[in-house]
Protein backbone atom coordinates (compact mmCIF):
# COMPACT_ATOMS: atom_id res chain seq x y z
CA MET A 1 19.43 -11.75 5.79
CA LEU A 2 17.15 -11.02 2.86
CA PHE A 3 14.18 -10.21 5.09
CA ARG A 4 16.11 -7.39 6.79
CA ILE A 5 16.77 -5.77 3.40
CA ILE A 6 13.12 -6.11 2.38
CA ASP A 7 11.91 -4.81 5.75
CA GLY A 8 14.29 -1.86 5.38
CA ILE A 9 12.99 -1.04 1.90
CA ASN A 10 9.37 -1.02 3.05
CA GLU A 11 10.28 0.94 6.17
CA VAL A 12 11.94 3.67 4.08
CA VAL A 13 9.11 3.73 1.54
CA GLY A 14 6.54 3.92 4.35
CA ARG A 15 8.27 6.83 6.03
CA ILE A 16 8.68 8.74 2.77
CA VAL A 17 5.11 8.12 1.61
CA SER A 18 3.72 9.14 5.00
CA VAL A 19 4.77 12.70 4.12
CA VAL A 20 2.12 12.62 1.36
CA ALA A 21 -0.55 12.73 4.10
CA VAL A 22 0.81 16.07 5.26
CA ILE A 23 0.81 17.36 1.68
CA PHE A 24 -2.77 16.41 0.91
CA ALA A 25 -3.94 17.71 4.31
CA ALA A 26 -2.25 21.05 3.55
CA ILE A 27 -3.94 21.19 0.14
CA ILE A 28 -7.33 20.47 1.72
CA ILE A 29 -6.80 23.19 4.33
CA TYR A 30 -5.73 25.60 1.58
CA ASP A 31 -8.84 24.75 -0.47
CA VAL A 32 -11.18 25.17 2.51
CA PHE A 33 -9.57 28.52 3.33
CA MET A 34 -9.86 29.70 -0.27
CA ARG A 35 -13.46 28.49 -0.55
CA TYR A 36 -14.91 29.79 2.72
CA ALA A 37 -12.66 32.69 3.76
CA LEU A 38 -11.96 34.23 0.36
CA ASN A 39 -14.93 32.82 -1.59
CA ASP A 40 -12.50 31.72 -4.31
CA PRO A 41 -12.52 27.91 -4.52
CA THR A 42 -9.75 26.10 -6.34
CA ARG A 43 -10.53 24.01 -9.39
CA TRP A 44 -7.66 21.57 -8.91
CA ALA A 45 -7.52 20.75 -5.19
CA PHE A 46 -10.15 18.01 -5.09
CA ASP A 47 -8.65 16.08 -8.01
CA VAL A 48 -5.10 16.43 -6.70
CA THR A 49 -5.96 15.37 -3.15
CA LYS A 50 -7.99 12.42 -4.43
CA GLN A 51 -5.00 11.16 -6.43
CA LEU A 52 -2.55 11.84 -3.60
CA TYR A 53 -4.77 9.91 -1.18
CA GLY A 54 -4.99 6.99 -3.62
CA PHE A 55 -1.19 7.00 -3.94
CA TYR A 56 -0.79 7.19 -0.16
CA PHE A 57 -3.27 4.37 0.44
CA VAL A 58 -1.83 1.84 -2.00
CA MET A 59 1.84 2.55 -1.37
CA LEU A 60 1.62 1.77 2.34
CA GLY A 61 0.50 -1.86 1.93
CA GLY A 62 3.99 -3.32 2.27
CA TYR A 63 4.74 -1.04 5.22
CA ALA A 64 1.51 -2.12 6.93
CA LEU A 65 2.33 -5.80 6.37
CA ARG A 66 5.81 -5.26 7.78
CA HIS A 67 4.24 -3.87 10.97
CA GLN A 68 1.47 -6.52 11.10
CA SER A 69 -1.16 -3.79 10.70
CA HIS A 70 -3.42 -5.54 8.21
CA VAL A 71 -6.69 -6.96 9.46
CA ARG A 72 -6.28 -10.53 10.66
CA VAL A 73 -8.78 -13.12 11.77
CA ASP A 74 -6.95 -15.48 14.10
CA LEU A 75 -9.82 -17.89 14.72
CA VAL A 76 -7.79 -20.91 13.66
CA THR A 77 -4.26 -19.93 14.61
CA GLY A 78 -5.05 -18.10 17.85
CA ALA A 79 -5.40 -21.31 19.84
CA MET A 80 -2.47 -23.15 18.24
CA ALA A 81 0.96 -23.70 19.72
CA ALA A 82 3.76 -21.61 18.22
CA GLY A 83 5.26 -24.36 16.01
CA PRO A 84 2.10 -25.43 14.18
CA ARG A 85 0.92 -21.81 14.00
CA ARG A 86 4.14 -20.89 12.17
CA TRP A 87 3.53 -23.53 9.52
CA VAL A 88 -0.15 -22.67 9.10
CA GLU A 89 0.81 -19.01 8.65
CA ALA A 90 3.50 -19.95 6.12
CA ALA A 91 1.01 -22.13 4.22
CA GLY A 92 -1.44 -19.22 4.21
CA TYR A 93 1.16 -17.10 2.44
CA VAL A 94 1.76 -19.79 -0.19
CA ILE A 95 -1.91 -20.62 -0.77
CA PHE A 96 -3.56 -17.21 -0.48
CA PHE A 97 -1.15 -14.28 -0.25
CA PHE A 98 1.35 -14.96 -3.03
CA PRO A 99 -1.25 -15.75 -5.72
CA PHE A 100 -3.21 -12.60 -4.77
CA ALA A 101 -0.09 -10.41 -4.75
CA TRP A 102 1.04 -11.82 -8.10
CA VAL A 103 -2.31 -11.14 -9.76
CA PHE A 104 -2.46 -7.69 -8.15
CA MET A 105 1.03 -6.86 -9.40
CA THR A 106 0.68 -8.15 -12.97
CA ARG A 107 -2.84 -6.79 -13.53
CA SER A 108 -1.92 -3.41 -12.04
CA TRP A 109 1.06 -3.20 -14.38
CA GLU A 110 -1.16 -3.96 -17.38
CA PHE A 111 -3.78 -1.51 -16.08
CA GLY A 112 -1.18 1.26 -15.70
CA MET A 113 0.48 0.64 -19.07
CA ARG A 114 -2.91 0.68 -20.83
CA SER A 115 -3.70 3.98 -19.11
CA TYR A 116 -0.34 5.40 -20.21
CA ALA A 117 -0.78 4.21 -23.82
CA GLN A 118 -4.25 5.79 -23.99
CA GLY A 119 -3.17 9.05 -22.37
CA GLU A 120 -5.94 8.61 -19.80
CA THR A 121 -6.78 11.66 -17.70
CA THR A 122 -9.24 12.45 -14.93
CA TYR A 123 -12.64 13.75 -15.90
CA GLY A 124 -12.72 16.67 -13.46
CA SER A 125 -12.28 20.34 -14.16
CA VAL A 126 -8.51 19.83 -14.23
CA GLN A 127 -7.50 16.86 -16.33
CA LEU A 128 -4.66 15.10 -14.53
CA PRO A 129 -2.93 12.02 -15.97
CA VAL A 130 -4.17 8.84 -14.34
CA TYR A 131 -1.34 6.48 -15.28
CA PRO A 132 1.06 7.57 -12.47
CA LEU A 133 -1.46 6.43 -9.86
CA LYS A 134 -2.22 3.22 -11.75
CA LEU A 135 1.48 2.40 -12.14
CA ALA A 136 1.95 3.18 -8.44
CA MET A 137 -0.49 0.32 -7.81
CA ALA A 138 1.92 -2.03 -9.57
CA VAL A 139 4.87 -0.72 -7.55
CA ALA A 140 2.82 -1.04 -4.37
CA ALA A 141 1.89 -4.61 -5.28
CA GLY A 142 5.58 -5.36 -5.83
CA LEU A 143 6.43 -3.92 -2.41
CA LEU A 144 3.62 -5.95 -0.88
CA MET A 145 4.89 -9.09 -2.64
CA ILE A 146 8.46 -8.69 -1.43
CA GLN A 147 7.24 -7.92 2.10
CA GLY A 148 5.20 -11.11 1.91
CA ILE A 149 8.38 -12.97 0.99
CA SER A 150 10.05 -11.43 4.02
CA GLU A 151 7.21 -12.44 6.33
CA PHE A 152 7.15 -15.94 4.85
CA LEU A 153 10.89 -16.33 5.42
CA LYS A 154 10.46 -15.17 9.01
CA PHE A 155 7.88 -17.88 9.60
CA VAL A 156 9.94 -20.60 7.92
CA LEU A 157 13.15 -19.59 9.68
CA ASN A 158 11.35 -18.90 12.97
CA ARG A 159 12.49 -15.28 13.01
CA GLN A 160 9.11 -13.57 13.25
CA GLU A 161 8.71 -10.61 15.53
CA THR A 162 6.10 -10.70 18.26
CA PRO A 163 2.83 -9.46 16.71
CA ARG A 164 1.26 -6.42 18.26
CA ASP A 165 -1.56 -7.13 20.65
CA ALA A 166 -4.93 -6.12 19.23
């Protein structure tokens, strides 16, 4: 089924991107060591780790949705029977999620392309290009959108996994 392919894509992306956390943690440790042990702070570490964290944060949205890790308020659906709850959840995707994801994806793409066209860089001591992070937002929004399609199909086809208990 289509939702298995989409789930697989976001699972692979999530596992690959999770390595970025190790990279930016190592850079932070290196910077702290250089600053306090050798009294020779780096000029680039803060800017690089800030961009890596931004990349890490946005790219894991689809992975988080796949694992039902986004914040949910189940005031309405918590007391419903499984059948009606399925349809309310599916309607929520159509009414709220898909329009948001579409705007997020299209505006992020425009945002990233404008940054690329202008040659935008950070304002810190090391001027890093900003467009890779801004274009990553568009990719992340696309991954979130397709994961939303997967979740929607699971509700419609009654194939949803049991949500984790909070």
